[in-house]
Amino acid sequence: MVENKQGEVPDELNKNVYVDSVAEIEGGQLVKGYDFNKGVDYEAVFKSYINTGFQATNLGMAIEEVNKMIKWRLSDEPIAEDENENFKDPEVRKKTRCTIFLGYTSNMASCGMREYLRYLCEHKMVDCIVTTTGGIEEDIMKCMAPCYIGDFALKGKTLREQGLNRIGNLIVPNKNYAHLEKWFLPIV
């Protein structure tokens, strides 16, 4: 605390630094993580992410949005006056679901997220995949040979001398690319 010669906090400092907080933050949610003393309830853990803060909040919001998409049916919506006749049928409306698109970049296929993506596709939890050519290439490579956990700080020159490549904190041996080329070149 800054004091003037008489031992008092200068008015200018009080006015600019010690501003009273508002009584309530409009629309604010309390930050609170999951209480593991209640036991491990994965659904409750995922729900708690939205109030955890940092990236967990974004993950929590994404989980909520995905759950809305999974739950949604056309029957949840009122019938519009100009609705297609087929979609006025209550049974058709109950069976008409949200079309779920899943977009991902190549690094998601290279890392452990590939197994999540595979599961979602295998169990028909997505309707359409949008990815890059690299996403397809890395997926094929991961089927042929593993990637390894490394470190973001590994030196590219040192790795190159060892026949290794770095994708973020993943290590991909050159032989993985050789396997891909050996498989792919005869096709093209």
C-alpha atoms as a PDB file:
ATOM      1  CA  MET A   1       0.000   0.000   0.000  1.00  0.00           C
ATOM      2  CA  VAL A   2       1.374   3.430  -0.967  1.00  0.00           C
ATOM      3  CA  GLU A   3       1.133   6.081   1.708  1.00  0.00           C
ATOM      4  CA  ASN A   4       1.753   9.802   1.554  1.00  0.00           C
ATOM      5  CA  LYS A   5       3.877  11.654   4.095  1.00  0.00           C
ATOM      6  CA  GLN A   6       1.080  11.729   6.665  1.00  0.00           C
ATOM      7  CA  GLY A   7       0.684   7.896   6.503  1.00  0.00           C
ATOM      8  CA  GLU A   8      -2.537   8.059   4.480  1.00  0.00           C
ATOM      9  CA  VAL A   9      -3.246   6.325   1.180  1.00  0.00           C
ATOM     10  CA  PRO A  10      -3.388   9.031  -1.518  1.00  0.00           C
ATOM     11  CA  ASP A  11      -6.905   9.625  -2.849  1.00  0.00           C
ATOM     12  CA  GLU A  12      -5.766   9.105  -6.441  1.00  0.00           C
ATOM     13  CA  LEU A  13      -4.490   5.625  -5.566  1.00  0.00           C
ATOM     14  CA  ASN A  14      -7.669   4.690  -3.738  1.00  0.00           C
ATOM     15  CA  LYS A  15      -9.772   5.927  -6.649  1.00  0.00           C
ATOM     16  CA  ASN A  16      -7.853   3.994  -9.344  1.00  0.00           C
ATOM     17  CA  VAL A  17      -6.555   0.869  -7.643  1.00  0.00           C
ATOM     18  CA  TYR A  18      -8.915   0.089  -4.822  1.00  0.00           C
ATOM     19  CA  VAL A  19     -12.102   0.183  -6.874  1.00  0.00           C
ATOM     20  CA  ASP A  20     -14.962  -1.599  -5.135  1.00  0.00           C
ATOM     21  CA  SER A  21     -16.018  -4.803  -6.865  1.00  0.00           C
ATOM     22  CA  VAL A  22     -19.560  -5.116  -8.082  1.00  0.00           C
ATOM     23  CA  ALA A  23     -21.744  -7.122  -5.714  1.00  0.00           C
ATOM     24  CA  GLU A  24     -22.495  -9.748  -8.348  1.00  0.00           C
ATOM     25  CA  ILE A  25     -20.979 -10.570 -11.727  1.00  0.00           C
ATOM     26  CA  GLU A  26     -23.840 -10.593 -14.204  1.00  0.00           C
ATOM     27  CA  GLY A  27     -24.092 -13.988 -15.861  1.00  0.00           C
ATOM     28  CA  GLY A  28     -21.008 -15.149 -13.973  1.00  0.00           C
ATOM     29  CA  GLN A  29     -20.640 -18.764 -12.953  1.00  0.00           C
ATOM     30  CA  LEU A  30     -18.642 -19.867  -9.952  1.00  0.00           C
ATOM     31  CA  VAL A  31     -15.395 -21.682 -10.702  1.00  0.00           C
ATOM     32  CA  LYS A  32     -15.622 -25.112  -9.175  1.00  0.00           C
ATOM     33  CA  GLY A  33     -14.001 -28.385 -10.076  1.00  0.00           C
ATOM     34  CA  TYR A  34     -15.343 -31.872  -9.541  1.00  0.00           C
ATOM     35  CA  ASP A  35     -15.333 -33.195  -5.955  1.00  0.00           C
ATOM     36  CA  PHE A  36     -13.631 -36.594  -6.261  1.00  0.00           C
ATOM     37  CA  ASN A  37     -14.539 -37.352  -2.634  1.00  0.00           C
ATOM     38  CA  LYS A  38     -17.994 -38.183  -4.031  1.00  0.00           C
ATOM     39  CA  GLY A  39     -16.456 -41.045  -6.004  1.00  0.00           C
ATOM     40  CA  VAL A  40     -15.706 -41.114  -9.707  1.00  0.00           C
ATOM     41  CA  ASP A  41     -18.790 -40.398 -11.784  1.00  0.00           C
ATOM     42  CA  TYR A  42     -17.517 -39.726 -15.301  1.00  0.00           C
ATOM     43  CA  GLU A  43     -20.709 -38.065 -16.462  1.00  0.00           C
ATOM     44  CA  ALA A  44     -20.538 -35.670 -13.502  1.00  0.00           C
ATOM     45  CA  VAL A  45     -16.805 -35.070 -14.141  1.00  0.00           C
ATOM     46  CA  PHE A  46     -17.546 -34.087 -17.757  1.00  0.00           C
ATOM     47  CA  LYS A  47     -20.417 -31.852 -16.654  1.00  0.00           C
ATOM     48  CA  SER A  48     -18.109 -30.120 -14.163  1.00  0.00           C
ATOM     49  CA  TYR A  49     -15.681 -29.054 -16.911  1.00  0.00           C
ATOM     50  CA  ILE A  50     -17.841 -26.095 -17.863  1.00  0.00           C
ATOM     51  CA  ASN A  51     -17.197 -24.537 -14.435  1.00  0.00           C
ATOM     52  CA  THR A  52     -13.556 -25.582 -14.139  1.00  0.00           C
ATOM     53  CA  GLY A  53     -12.022 -22.713 -16.121  1.00  0.00           C
ATOM     54  CA  PHE A  54      -9.345 -22.391 -18.795  1.00  0.00           C
ATOM     55  CA  GLN A  55      -9.662 -24.968 -21.608  1.00  0.00           C
ATOM     56  CA  ALA A  56     -11.821 -27.287 -19.504  1.00  0.00           C
ATOM     57  CA  THR A  57     -14.608 -24.703 -19.830  1.00  0.00           C
ATOM     58  CA  ASN A  58     -14.410 -24.857 -23.624  1.00  0.00           C
ATOM     59  CA  LEU A  59     -14.383 -28.645 -23.503  1.00  0.00           C
ATOM     60  CA  GLY A  60     -17.412 -28.560 -21.190  1.00  0.00           C
ATOM     61  CA  MET A  61     -19.260 -26.255 -23.597  1.00  0.00           C
ATOM     62  CA  ALA A  62     -18.384 -28.578 -26.489  1.00  0.00           C
ATOM     63  CA  ILE A  63     -19.671 -31.597 -24.556  1.00  0.00           C
ATOM     64  CA  GLU A  64     -22.945 -29.783 -23.869  1.00  0.00           C
ATOM     65  CA  GLU A  65     -23.294 -28.873 -27.550  1.00  0.00           C
ATOM     66  CA  VAL A  66     -22.613 -32.435 -28.702  1.00  0.00           C
ATOM     67  CA  ASN A  67     -25.174 -33.751 -26.201  1.00  0.00           C
ATOM     68  CA  LYS A  68     -27.744 -31.292 -27.599  1.00  0.00           C
ATOM     69  CA  MET A  69     -27.027 -32.544 -31.128  1.00  0.00           C
ATOM     70  CA  ILE A  70     -27.378 -36.189 -30.078  1.00  0.00           C
ATOM     71  CA  LYS A  71     -30.646 -35.521 -28.237  1.00  0.00           C
ATOM     72  CA  TRP A  72     -32.278 -33.255 -30.864  1.00  0.00           C
ATOM     73  CA  ARG A  73     -35.128 -34.516 -33.034  1.00  0.00           C
ATOM     74  CA  LEU A  74     -37.175 -32.575 -35.558  1.00  0.00           C
ATOM     75  CA  SER A  75     -40.177 -33.324 -33.326  1.00  0.00           C
ATOM     76  CA  ASP A  76     -38.603 -30.905 -30.790  1.00  0.00           C
ATOM     77  CA  GLU A  77     -39.429 -28.035 -33.167  1.00  0.00           C
ATOM     78  CA  PRO A  78     -42.853 -26.588 -34.016  1.00  0.00           C
ATOM     79  CA  ILE A  79     -44.109 -27.407 -37.499  1.00  0.00           C
ATOM     80  CA  ALA A  80     -43.534 -24.449 -39.795  1.00  0.00           C
ATOM     81  CA  GLU A  81     -46.338 -23.345 -42.103  1.00  0.00           C
ATOM     82  CA  ASP A  82     -44.215 -23.979 -45.185  1.00  0.00           C
ATOM     83  CA  GLU A  83     -42.906 -27.353 -43.916  1.00  0.00           C
ATOM     84  CA  ASN A  84     -42.435 -30.126 -46.459  1.00  0.00           C
ATOM     85  CA  GLU A  85     -45.433 -32.503 -46.236  1.00  0.00           C
ATOM     86  CA  ASN A  86     -43.199 -35.465 -45.442  1.00  0.00           C
ATOM     87  CA  PHE A  87     -41.816 -33.658 -42.378  1.00  0.00           C
ATOM     88  CA  LYS A  88     -45.284 -32.949 -40.982  1.00  0.00           C
ATOM     89  CA  ASP A  89     -45.698 -36.632 -40.113  1.00  0.00           C
ATOM     90  CA  PRO A  90     -45.042 -37.049 -36.331  1.00  0.00           C
ATOM     91  CA  GLU A  91     -43.243 -40.371 -36.811  1.00  0.00           C
ATOM     92  CA  VAL A  92     -40.928 -38.902 -39.447  1.00  0.00           C
ATOM     93  CA  ARG A  93     -40.237 -35.937 -37.158  1.00  0.00           C
ATOM     94  CA  LYS A  94     -39.307 -38.275 -34.254  1.00  0.00           C
ATOM     95  CA  LYS A  95     -36.838 -40.148 -36.492  1.00  0.00           C
ATOM     96  CA  THR A  96     -35.276 -37.041 -38.073  1.00  0.00           C
ATOM     97  CA  ARG A  97     -32.080 -36.328 -36.174  1.00  0.00           C
ATOM     98  CA  CYS A  98     -29.323 -33.751 -36.316  1.00  0.00           C
ATOM     99  CA  THR A  99     -26.653 -34.389 -38.959  1.00  0.00           C
ATOM    100  CA  ILE A 100     -23.352 -34.378 -37.064  1.00  0.00           C
ATOM    101  CA  PHE A 101     -20.208 -33.239 -38.871  1.00  0.00           C
ATOM    102  CA  LEU A 102     -16.816 -33.977 -37.296  1.00  0.00           C
ATOM    103  CA  GLY A 103     -13.888 -31.865 -38.409  1.00  0.00           C
ATOM    104  CA  TYR A 104     -10.292 -32.556 -37.426  1.00  0.00           C
ATOM    105  CA  THR A 105      -6.741 -31.768 -38.484  1.00  0.00           C
ATOM    106  CA  SER A 106      -3.923 -34.208 -39.226  1.00  0.00           C
ATOM    107  CA  ASN A 107      -2.318 -33.887 -35.794  1.00  0.00           C
ATOM    108  CA  MET A 108      -5.478 -35.361 -34.237  1.00  0.00           C
ATOM    109  CA  ALA A 109      -4.931 -38.558 -36.261  1.00  0.00           C
ATOM    110  CA  SER A 110      -1.246 -38.718 -35.280  1.00  0.00           C
ATOM    111  CA  CYS A 111      -1.874 -38.491 -31.548  1.00  0.00           C
ATOM    112  CA  GLY A 112      -3.999 -40.531 -29.175  1.00  0.00           C
ATOM    113  CA  MET A 113      -7.123 -38.684 -30.326  1.00  0.00           C
ATOM    114  CA  ARG A 114      -7.229 -41.065 -33.312  1.00  0.00           C
ATOM    115  CA  GLU A 115      -8.723 -43.738 -31.091  1.00  0.00           C
ATOM    116  CA  TYR A 116     -11.518 -41.369 -30.050  1.00  0.00           C
ATOM    117  CA  LEU A 117     -12.223 -40.497 -33.680  1.00  0.00           C
ATOM    118  CA  ARG A 118     -12.227 -44.179 -34.647  1.00  0.00           C
ATOM    119  CA  TYR A 119     -14.676 -45.003 -31.855  1.00  0.00           C
ATOM    120  CA  LEU A 120     -17.067 -42.220 -32.874  1.00  0.00           C
ATOM    121  CA  CYS A 121     -17.025 -43.399 -36.494  1.00  0.00           C
ATOM    122  CA  GLU A 122     -17.181 -47.104 -35.687  1.00  0.00           C
ATOM    123  CA  HIS A 123     -20.272 -46.578 -33.542  1.00  0.00           C
ATOM    124  CA  LYS A 124     -21.938 -44.277 -36.097  1.00  0.00           C
ATOM    125  CA  MET A 125     -21.895 -41.290 -33.775  1.00  0.00           C
ATOM    126  CA  VAL A 126     -20.955 -38.920 -36.603  1.00  0.00           C
ATOM    127  CA  ASP A 127     -22.553 -38.576 -40.017  1.00  0.00           C
ATOM    128  CA  CYS A 128     -19.827 -36.790 -41.934  1.00  0.00           C
ATOM    129  CA  ILE A 129     -16.084 -36.291 -41.506  1.00  0.00           C
ATOM    130  CA  VAL A 130     -14.328 -33.165 -42.706  1.00  0.00           C
ATOM    131  CA  THR A 131     -10.544 -33.391 -42.633  1.00  0.00           C
ATOM    132  CA  THR A 132      -7.426 -32.509 -44.552  1.00  0.00           C
ATOM    133  CA  THR A 133      -5.395 -34.759 -46.807  1.00  0.00           C
ATOM    134  CA  GLY A 134      -2.885 -34.833 -43.958  1.00  0.00           C
ATOM    135  CA  GLY A 135      -5.628 -36.181 -41.699  1.00  0.00           C
ATOM    136  CA  ILE A 136      -6.090 -39.144 -44.031  1.00  0.00           C
ATOM    137  CA  GLU A 137      -2.344 -39.639 -44.524  1.00  0.00           C
ATOM    138  CA  GLU A 138      -1.610 -39.570 -40.783  1.00  0.00           C
ATOM    139  CA  ASP A 139      -4.493 -41.964 -40.107  1.00  0.00           C
ATOM    140  CA  ILE A 140      -3.137 -44.492 -42.608  1.00  0.00           C
ATOM    141  CA  MET A 141       0.385 -44.117 -41.174  1.00  0.00           C
ATOM    142  CA  LYS A 142      -0.879 -44.671 -37.626  1.00  0.00           C
ATOM    143  CA  CYS A 143      -2.450 -47.957 -38.804  1.00  0.00           C
ATOM    144  CA  MET A 144       0.948 -49.091 -40.102  1.00  0.00           C
ATOM    145  CA  ALA A 145       3.335 -47.949 -37.369  1.00  0.00           C
ATOM    146  CA  PRO A 146       3.218 -46.130 -34.001  1.00  0.00           C
ATOM    147  CA  CYS A 147       4.113 -42.571 -33.047  1.00  0.00           C
ATOM    148  CA  TYR A 148       5.873 -41.813 -29.765  1.00  0.00           C
ATOM    149  CA  ILE A 149       5.587 -39.168 -27.061  1.00  0.00           C
ATOM    150  CA  GLY A 150       8.489 -36.744 -27.182  1.00  0.00           C
ATOM    151  CA  ASP A 151       8.800 -33.137 -26.112  1.00  0.00           C
ATOM    152  CA  PHE A 152       7.968 -29.806 -27.728  1.00  0.00           C
ATOM    153  CA  ALA A 153      11.521 -28.617 -27.019  1.00  0.00           C
ATOM    154  CA  LEU A 154      13.375 -31.403 -28.883  1.00  0.00           C
ATOM    155  CA  LYS A 155      15.782 -29.989 -31.457  1.00  0.00           C
ATOM    156  CA  GLY A 156      14.811 -30.590 -35.066  1.00  0.00           C
ATOM    157  CA  LYS A 157      18.422 -30.973 -36.224  1.00  0.00           C
ATOM    158  CA  THR A 158      19.138 -33.686 -33.637  1.00  0.00           C
ATOM    159  CA  LEU A 159      15.946 -35.540 -34.494  1.00  0.00           C
ATOM    160  CA  ARG A 160      16.694 -35.312 -38.227  1.00  0.00           C
ATOM    161  CA  GLU A 161      20.111 -36.887 -37.675  1.00  0.00           C
ATOM    162  CA  GLN A 162      18.304 -39.794 -35.971  1.00  0.00           C
ATOM    163  CA  GLY A 163      15.750 -40.210 -38.765  1.00  0.00           C
ATOM    164  CA  LEU A 164      12.972 -38.824 -36.591  1.00  0.00           C
ATOM    165  CA  ASN A 165      10.370 -36.085 -37.072  1.00  0.00           C
ATOM    166  CA  ARG A 166       8.492 -34.019 -34.505  1.00  0.00           C
ATOM    167  CA  ILE A 167       4.789 -33.123 -34.657  1.00  0.00           C
ATOM    168  CA  GLY A 168       4.270 -30.996 -31.541  1.00  0.00           C
ATOM    169  CA  ASN A 169       5.373 -33.310 -28.743  1.00  0.00           C
ATOM    170  CA  LEU A 170       5.044 -36.458 -30.884  1.00  0.00           C
ATOM    171  CA  ILE A 171       7.929 -38.293 -32.517  1.00  0.00           C
ATOM    172  CA  VAL A 172       7.346 -39.937 -35.910  1.00  0.00           C
ATOM    173  CA  PRO A 173      10.123 -42.155 -37.289  1.00  0.00           C
ATOM    174  CA  ASN A 174      11.013 -41.683 -40.981  1.00  0.00           C
ATOM    175  CA  LYS A 175      10.186 -45.364 -41.507  1.00  0.00           C
ATOM    176  CA  ASN A 176       6.512 -44.509 -40.887  1.00  0.00           C
ATOM    177  CA  TYR A 177       6.561 -42.246 -43.939  1.00  0.00           C
ATOM    178  CA  ALA A 178       8.413 -44.942 -45.902  1.00  0.00           C
ATOM    179  CA  HIS A 179       5.663 -47.466 -45.032  1.00  0.00           C
ATOM    180  CA  LEU A 180       3.031 -45.006 -46.266  1.00  0.00           C
ATOM    181  CA  GLU A 181       4.863 -44.363 -49.535  1.00  0.00           C
ATOM    182  CA  LYS A 182       5.433 -48.076 -50.149  1.00  0.00           C
ATOM    183  CA  TRP A 183       1.718 -48.715 -49.709  1.00  0.00           C
ATOM    184  CA  PHE A 184       0.443 -45.610 -51.490  1.00  0.00           C
ATOM    185  CA  LEU A 185       2.687 -45.212 -54.563  1.00  0.00           C
ATOM    186  CA  PRO A 186       1.380 -48.319 -56.381  1.00  0.00           C
ATOM    187  CA  ILE A 187      -2.161 -46.959 -56.017  1.00  0.00           C
ATOM    188  CA  VAL A 188      -1.373 -43.640 -57.705  1.00  0.00           C
END
